[in-house]
N, C-alpha and C. Protein backbone atom coordinates (compact mmCIF):
# COMPACT_ATOMS: atom_id res chain seq x y z
N MET A 1 26.37 24.90 56.47
CA MET A 1 27.23 25.00 55.33
C MET A 1 27.37 23.66 54.62
N ILE A 2 27.47 22.59 55.36
CA ILE A 2 27.60 21.26 54.78
C ILE A 2 26.33 20.90 54.01
N THR A 3 25.17 21.27 54.51
CA THR A 3 23.92 20.95 53.82
C THR A 3 23.82 21.67 52.49
N ILE A 4 24.32 22.91 52.42
CA ILE A 4 24.30 23.65 51.16
C ILE A 4 25.23 22.98 50.15
N THR A 5 26.38 22.51 50.58
CA THR A 5 27.31 21.82 49.70
C THR A 5 26.69 20.53 49.19
N ILE A 6 26.00 19.84 50.07
CA ILE A 6 25.34 18.59 49.65
C ILE A 6 24.26 18.89 48.61
N TYR A 7 23.49 19.96 48.85
CA TYR A 7 22.45 20.32 47.89
C TYR A 7 23.04 20.74 46.55
N VAL A 8 24.14 21.47 46.58
CA VAL A 8 24.78 21.90 45.33
C VAL A 8 25.32 20.68 44.58
N LEU A 9 25.99 19.77 45.32
CA LEU A 9 26.49 18.55 44.67
C LEU A 9 25.35 17.70 44.13
N LEU A 10 24.27 17.60 44.89
CA LEU A 10 23.10 16.85 44.43
C LEU A 10 22.51 17.49 43.17
N PHE A 11 22.43 18.83 43.16
CA PHE A 11 21.91 19.54 42.00
C PHE A 11 22.81 19.33 40.78
N ILE A 12 24.12 19.41 40.99
CA ILE A 12 25.07 19.17 39.88
C ILE A 12 24.96 17.72 39.39
N GLY A 13 24.79 16.77 40.29
CA GLY A 13 24.62 15.36 39.91
C GLY A 13 23.35 15.16 39.10
N ILE A 14 22.27 15.82 39.52
CA ILE A 14 21.00 15.71 38.77
C ILE A 14 21.15 16.33 37.38
N LEU A 15 21.84 17.49 37.30
CA LEU A 15 22.07 18.11 35.99
C LEU A 15 22.91 17.21 35.08
N LEU A 16 23.96 16.59 35.64
CA LEU A 16 24.78 15.68 34.84
C LEU A 16 23.98 14.46 34.38
N LEU A 17 23.19 13.90 35.28
CA LEU A 17 22.34 12.77 34.91
C LEU A 17 21.35 13.18 33.82
N ASN A 18 20.74 14.36 33.99
CA ASN A 18 19.80 14.86 33.00
C ASN A 18 20.51 15.10 31.67
N HIS A 19 21.74 15.60 31.69
CA HIS A 19 22.51 15.81 30.46
C HIS A 19 22.74 14.49 29.73
N PHE A 20 23.18 13.46 30.48
CA PHE A 20 23.45 12.17 29.83
C PHE A 20 22.17 11.53 29.28
N LEU A 21 21.10 11.65 30.05
CA LEU A 21 19.82 11.10 29.55
C LEU A 21 19.34 11.87 28.32
N ALA A 22 19.47 13.20 28.34
CA ALA A 22 19.05 14.01 27.19
C ALA A 22 19.92 13.72 25.99
N LYS A 23 21.22 13.51 26.22
CA LYS A 23 22.13 13.19 25.12
C LYS A 23 21.77 11.83 24.49
N ASN A 24 21.48 10.84 25.32
CA ASN A 24 21.06 9.54 24.80
C ASN A 24 19.74 9.64 24.05
N ALA A 25 18.82 10.43 24.58
CA ALA A 25 17.52 10.60 23.91
C ALA A 25 17.70 11.32 22.57
N SER A 26 18.60 12.31 22.53
CA SER A 26 18.83 13.01 21.26
C SER A 26 19.51 12.08 20.25
N ASP A 27 20.34 11.15 20.73
CA ASP A 27 20.92 10.16 19.82
C ASP A 27 19.84 9.26 19.23
N ILE A 28 18.86 8.92 20.03
CA ILE A 28 17.72 8.13 19.53
C ILE A 28 16.96 8.94 18.48
N ALA A 29 16.78 10.25 18.76
CA ALA A 29 16.09 11.12 17.80
C ALA A 29 16.86 11.18 16.48
N ILE A 30 18.19 11.23 16.56
CA ILE A 30 19.01 11.23 15.34
C ILE A 30 18.79 9.93 14.57
N ASP A 31 18.79 8.80 15.29
CA ASP A 31 18.56 7.50 14.64
C ASP A 31 17.20 7.44 13.96
N LYS A 32 16.23 8.18 14.52
CA LYS A 32 14.90 8.20 13.92
C LYS A 32 14.77 9.23 12.81
N GLY A 33 15.84 10.04 12.60
CA GLY A 33 15.84 10.99 11.50
C GLY A 33 15.45 12.40 11.89
N TYR A 34 15.59 12.78 13.16
CA TYR A 34 15.22 14.11 13.64
C TYR A 34 16.46 14.90 14.05
N ASP A 35 16.27 16.20 14.29
CA ASP A 35 17.35 17.12 14.64
C ASP A 35 17.87 16.85 16.05
N GLU A 36 19.19 16.79 16.18
CA GLU A 36 19.81 16.46 17.47
C GLU A 36 19.62 17.56 18.50
N ASN A 37 19.97 18.79 18.15
CA ASN A 37 19.96 19.88 19.13
C ASN A 37 18.56 20.15 19.66
N ARG A 38 17.59 20.20 18.80
CA ARG A 38 16.23 20.50 19.23
C ARG A 38 15.77 19.48 20.27
N TRP A 39 15.97 18.21 19.98
CA TRP A 39 15.48 17.19 20.90
C TRP A 39 16.35 17.06 22.14
N TYR A 40 17.61 17.46 22.05
CA TYR A 40 18.44 17.48 23.26
C TYR A 40 17.87 18.50 24.26
N TYR A 41 17.58 19.71 23.78
CA TYR A 41 17.07 20.74 24.69
C TYR A 41 15.67 20.43 25.18
N ILE A 42 14.84 19.85 24.31
CA ILE A 42 13.50 19.46 24.77
C ILE A 42 13.61 18.44 25.89
N CYS A 43 14.46 17.45 25.71
CA CYS A 43 14.61 16.42 26.75
C CYS A 43 15.31 16.97 28.00
N PHE A 44 16.25 17.88 27.82
CA PHE A 44 16.96 18.42 28.96
C PHE A 44 16.03 19.25 29.85
N PHE A 45 15.19 20.08 29.23
CA PHE A 45 14.33 20.95 30.03
C PHE A 45 13.00 20.30 30.43
N LEU A 46 12.49 19.39 29.62
CA LEU A 46 11.21 18.76 29.96
C LEU A 46 11.37 17.40 30.64
N GLY A 47 12.55 16.85 30.60
CA GLY A 47 12.82 15.59 31.28
C GLY A 47 12.04 14.43 30.71
N PRO A 48 11.32 13.71 31.56
CA PRO A 48 10.60 12.51 31.12
C PRO A 48 9.58 12.76 30.02
N ILE A 49 9.01 13.96 29.97
CA ILE A 49 8.05 14.27 28.90
C ILE A 49 8.76 14.22 27.54
N GLY A 50 9.97 14.76 27.47
CA GLY A 50 10.74 14.71 26.22
C GLY A 50 11.10 13.30 25.82
N TYR A 51 11.41 12.46 26.82
CA TYR A 51 11.74 11.05 26.51
C TYR A 51 10.53 10.32 25.95
N ILE A 52 9.39 10.59 26.52
CA ILE A 52 8.16 9.96 26.02
C ILE A 52 7.86 10.43 24.60
N LEU A 53 8.08 11.75 24.36
CA LEU A 53 7.84 12.27 23.01
C LEU A 53 8.75 11.58 21.99
N ILE A 54 10.01 11.40 22.33
CA ILE A 54 10.94 10.74 21.41
C ILE A 54 10.54 9.29 21.19
N ALA A 55 10.11 8.64 22.25
CA ALA A 55 9.69 7.24 22.11
C ALA A 55 8.47 7.11 21.21
N ALA A 56 7.61 8.14 21.21
CA ALA A 56 6.38 8.08 20.41
C ALA A 56 6.56 8.55 18.98
N MET A 57 7.71 9.16 18.66
CA MET A 57 7.92 9.69 17.30
C MET A 57 8.07 8.55 16.29
N PRO A 58 7.51 8.75 15.09
CA PRO A 58 7.73 7.73 14.04
C PRO A 58 9.16 7.79 13.54
N ASP A 59 9.60 6.69 13.00
CA ASP A 59 10.97 6.57 12.50
C ASP A 59 11.01 7.03 11.05
N ARG A 60 11.60 8.20 10.81
CA ARG A 60 11.65 8.74 9.45
C ARG A 60 12.54 7.90 8.53
N SER A 61 13.65 7.42 9.04
CA SER A 61 14.55 6.64 8.19
C SER A 61 13.88 5.33 7.78
N LEU A 62 13.12 4.74 8.69
CA LEU A 62 12.40 3.51 8.35
C LEU A 62 11.30 3.79 7.32
N GLN A 63 10.66 4.96 7.43
CA GLN A 63 9.64 5.32 6.44
C GLN A 63 10.26 5.49 5.06
N LYS A 64 11.46 6.09 5.00
CA LYS A 64 12.13 6.24 3.71
C LYS A 64 12.47 4.88 3.11
N LYS A 65 12.93 3.96 3.95
CA LYS A 65 13.24 2.62 3.47
C LYS A 65 11.98 1.91 2.99
N GLN A 66 10.88 2.09 3.72
CA GLN A 66 9.62 1.46 3.31
C GLN A 66 9.12 2.05 2.00
N ASP A 67 9.26 3.36 1.83
CA ASP A 67 8.85 3.99 0.57
C ASP A 67 9.68 3.45 -0.60
N LYS A 68 10.97 3.31 -0.38
CA LYS A 68 11.84 2.77 -1.43
C LYS A 68 11.46 1.33 -1.75
N THR A 69 11.18 0.54 -0.71
CA THR A 69 10.76 -0.85 -0.92
C THR A 69 9.43 -0.91 -1.66
N ASN A 70 8.50 -0.02 -1.32
CA ASN A 70 7.20 -0.01 -2.00
C ASN A 70 7.37 0.34 -3.48
N ARG A 71 8.24 1.31 -3.79
CA ARG A 71 8.47 1.66 -5.20
C ARG A 71 9.08 0.47 -5.94
N LEU A 72 10.01 -0.22 -5.29
CA LEU A 72 10.63 -1.39 -5.92
C LEU A 72 9.60 -2.49 -6.16
N LEU A 73 8.74 -2.72 -5.18
CA LEU A 73 7.70 -3.74 -5.35
C LEU A 73 6.72 -3.37 -6.46
N GLU A 74 6.36 -2.08 -6.55
CA GLU A 74 5.47 -1.66 -7.63
C GLU A 74 6.12 -1.89 -9.00
N THR A 75 7.42 -1.61 -9.09
CA THR A 75 8.14 -1.85 -10.33
C THR A 75 8.15 -3.33 -10.69
N LEU A 76 8.38 -4.17 -9.68
CA LEU A 76 8.38 -5.62 -9.92
C LEU A 76 7.00 -6.12 -10.34
N ILE A 77 5.96 -5.60 -9.70
CA ILE A 77 4.59 -6.02 -10.04
C ILE A 77 4.27 -5.60 -11.48
N ASP A 78 4.67 -4.37 -11.87
CA ASP A 78 4.44 -3.94 -13.25
C ASP A 78 5.17 -4.84 -14.24
N ALA A 79 6.41 -5.18 -13.90
CA ALA A 79 7.19 -6.06 -14.79
C ALA A 79 6.53 -7.43 -14.88
N LEU A 80 6.05 -7.95 -13.76
CA LEU A 80 5.38 -9.25 -13.78
C LEU A 80 4.08 -9.19 -14.58
N ASP A 81 3.35 -8.07 -14.46
CA ASP A 81 2.12 -7.93 -15.24
C ASP A 81 2.42 -7.94 -16.73
N LYS A 82 3.47 -7.22 -17.13
CA LYS A 82 3.85 -7.20 -18.55
C LYS A 82 4.27 -8.60 -19.00
N ASN A 83 5.02 -9.30 -18.16
CA ASN A 83 5.46 -10.65 -18.48
C ASN A 83 4.25 -11.58 -18.59
N THR A 84 3.27 -11.40 -17.70
CA THR A 84 2.06 -12.22 -17.75
C THR A 84 1.28 -11.97 -19.03
N GLU A 85 1.20 -10.68 -19.44
CA GLU A 85 0.52 -10.37 -20.69
C GLU A 85 1.21 -11.06 -21.87
N LYS A 86 2.54 -10.99 -21.87
CA LYS A 86 3.29 -11.65 -22.95
C LYS A 86 3.06 -13.15 -22.91
N GLN A 87 3.05 -13.69 -21.71
CA GLN A 87 2.86 -15.13 -21.56
C GLN A 87 1.45 -15.52 -22.00
N ASN A 88 0.46 -14.69 -21.64
CA ASN A 88 -0.91 -14.98 -22.07
C ASN A 88 -1.02 -14.93 -23.59
N THR A 89 -0.33 -13.96 -24.22
CA THR A 89 -0.33 -13.88 -25.67
C THR A 89 0.32 -15.13 -26.26
N ALA A 90 1.44 -15.53 -25.69
CA ALA A 90 2.12 -16.74 -26.17
C ALA A 90 1.23 -17.96 -25.94
N ASN A 91 0.56 -18.01 -24.79
CA ASN A 91 -0.35 -19.13 -24.53
C ASN A 91 -1.51 -19.13 -25.51
N GLY A 92 -1.98 -17.92 -25.89
CA GLY A 92 -3.05 -17.83 -26.88
C GLY A 92 -2.61 -18.38 -28.22
N TYR A 93 -1.39 -18.03 -28.62
CA TYR A 93 -0.86 -18.56 -29.87
C TYR A 93 -0.69 -20.08 -29.79
N MET A 94 -0.23 -20.55 -28.65
CA MET A 94 -0.05 -21.99 -28.49
C MET A 94 -1.40 -22.70 -28.53
N ASN A 95 -2.42 -22.09 -27.93
CA ASN A 95 -3.75 -22.69 -27.97
C ASN A 95 -4.28 -22.75 -29.40
N LEU A 96 -4.10 -21.67 -30.16
CA LEU A 96 -4.52 -21.68 -31.56
C LEU A 96 -3.79 -22.75 -32.36
N LEU A 97 -2.50 -22.84 -32.12
CA LEU A 97 -1.70 -23.84 -32.82
C LEU A 97 -2.15 -25.25 -32.45
N SER A 98 -2.40 -25.50 -31.17
CA SER A 98 -2.84 -26.84 -30.77
C SER A 98 -4.23 -27.15 -31.32
N GLU A 99 -5.10 -26.13 -31.40
CA GLU A 99 -6.42 -26.37 -32.00
C GLU A 99 -6.28 -26.74 -33.48
N ALA A 100 -5.38 -26.05 -34.18
CA ALA A 100 -5.17 -26.35 -35.59
C ALA A 100 -4.61 -27.76 -35.75
N VAL A 101 -3.67 -28.12 -34.90
CA VAL A 101 -3.10 -29.48 -34.96
C VAL A 101 -4.19 -30.50 -34.67
N ASN A 102 -5.04 -30.21 -33.69
CA ASN A 102 -6.14 -31.14 -33.37
C ASN A 102 -7.09 -31.30 -34.54
N LYS A 103 -7.41 -30.18 -35.21
CA LYS A 103 -8.31 -30.27 -36.36
C LYS A 103 -7.69 -31.09 -37.49
N ILE A 104 -6.40 -30.86 -37.71
CA ILE A 104 -5.72 -31.63 -38.76
C ILE A 104 -5.71 -33.11 -38.41
N SER A 105 -5.40 -33.40 -37.14
CA SER A 105 -5.36 -34.82 -36.75
C SER A 105 -6.75 -35.43 -36.78
N GLU A 106 -7.80 -34.64 -36.48
CA GLU A 106 -9.17 -35.16 -36.57
C GLU A 106 -9.51 -35.50 -38.02
N LYS A 107 -9.10 -34.64 -38.96
CA LYS A 107 -9.36 -34.91 -40.37
C LYS A 107 -8.63 -36.17 -40.82
N GLN A 108 -7.41 -36.34 -40.34
CA GLN A 108 -6.67 -37.55 -40.69
C GLN A 108 -7.34 -38.77 -40.08
N ASP A 109 -7.80 -38.63 -38.85
CA ASP A 109 -8.49 -39.75 -38.19
C ASP A 109 -9.77 -40.10 -38.93
N THR A 110 -10.52 -39.08 -39.36
CA THR A 110 -11.76 -39.38 -40.09
C THR A 110 -11.45 -40.02 -41.44
N ALA A 111 -10.34 -39.61 -42.06
CA ALA A 111 -9.96 -40.24 -43.33
C ALA A 111 -9.60 -41.70 -43.11
N ILE A 112 -8.91 -41.98 -42.04
CA ILE A 112 -8.54 -43.37 -41.73
C ILE A 112 -9.79 -44.16 -41.39
N ILE A 113 -10.67 -43.52 -40.61
CA ILE A 113 -11.91 -44.22 -40.23
C ILE A 113 -12.74 -44.50 -41.48
N SER A 114 -12.83 -43.55 -42.41
CA SER A 114 -13.65 -43.76 -43.61
C SER A 114 -13.07 -44.88 -44.47
N THR A 115 -11.77 -45.01 -44.53
CA THR A 115 -11.20 -46.12 -45.30
C THR A 115 -11.45 -47.43 -44.59
N LYS A 116 -11.49 -47.41 -43.27
CA LYS A 116 -11.76 -48.64 -42.54
C LYS A 116 -13.22 -49.04 -42.69
N ASP A 117 -14.10 -48.02 -42.72
CA ASP A 117 -15.52 -48.33 -42.84
C ASP A 117 -15.85 -48.96 -44.19
N THR A 118 -15.18 -48.58 -45.23
CA THR A 118 -15.50 -49.10 -46.55
C THR A 118 -14.70 -50.36 -46.88
N ASN A 119 -13.93 -50.83 -45.92
CA ASN A 119 -13.14 -52.05 -46.07
C ASN A 119 -12.17 -51.95 -47.24
N ILE A 120 -11.65 -50.77 -47.48
CA ILE A 120 -10.65 -50.59 -48.52
C ILE A 120 -9.30 -50.61 -47.85
N THR A 121 -8.50 -51.51 -48.21
CA THR A 121 -7.16 -51.60 -47.66
C THR A 121 -6.25 -50.69 -48.45
N PRO A 122 -5.14 -50.32 -47.88
CA PRO A 122 -4.19 -49.47 -48.62
C PRO A 122 -3.72 -50.13 -49.91
N GLU A 123 -3.63 -51.44 -49.96
CA GLU A 123 -3.22 -52.12 -51.19
C GLU A 123 -4.26 -51.95 -52.28
N LYS A 124 -5.54 -52.02 -51.88
CA LYS A 124 -6.61 -51.82 -52.87
C LYS A 124 -6.60 -50.39 -53.37
N GLN A 125 -6.29 -49.42 -52.47
CA GLN A 125 -6.22 -48.02 -52.89
C GLN A 125 -5.10 -47.84 -53.92
N ILE A 126 -3.97 -48.48 -53.69
CA ILE A 126 -2.85 -48.37 -54.63
C ILE A 126 -3.26 -48.99 -55.98
N GLN A 127 -3.94 -50.13 -55.95
CA GLN A 127 -4.36 -50.78 -57.20
C GLN A 127 -5.37 -49.90 -57.94
N SER A 128 -6.28 -49.29 -57.19
CA SER A 128 -7.27 -48.44 -57.86
C SER A 128 -6.60 -47.21 -58.47
N ARG A 129 -5.56 -46.70 -57.87
CA ARG A 129 -4.84 -45.56 -58.41
C ARG A 129 -4.12 -45.96 -59.69
N ARG A 130 -3.55 -47.17 -59.69
CA ARG A 130 -2.85 -47.64 -60.89
C ARG A 130 -3.81 -47.81 -62.03
N ARG A 131 -4.99 -48.34 -61.75
CA ARG A 131 -5.96 -48.56 -62.81
C ARG A 131 -6.46 -47.24 -63.39
N SER A 132 -6.63 -46.25 -62.47
CA SER A 132 -7.15 -44.97 -62.98
C SER A 132 -6.08 -44.20 -63.78
N SER A 133 -4.83 -44.48 -63.50
CA SER A 133 -3.77 -43.78 -64.25
C SER A 133 -3.57 -44.43 -65.62
N ILE A 134 -4.00 -45.65 -65.83
CA ILE A 134 -3.80 -46.35 -67.11
C ILE A 134 -4.82 -45.89 -68.05
């Protein structure tokens, strides 16, 4: 009679231990984004096989966060691409403007160089202008 009581108590202890382990495993399944009751019963009746299955399951909540992060990054990349296009357009305008300024300054430099080559000083240019206006 004592052995039967020991076996019954041992069986009840194993069931309680299995319940607590299955409950903890189902809590992990909830954290991963799965149904609590389904995984509780799977772990309760299959034991270690259910625990291994839960450990191997992908994390749905983490996947949702990653998808949201990926959408945000794609939005940022698109915005940066548009900004880069605008910047390239502005850089193109700046390059055209600097080329025009360079051409103007080159013409001024050549005009100064030509006056230096002919040994005409600015005073002589002023005198020649006065004579031509008379």
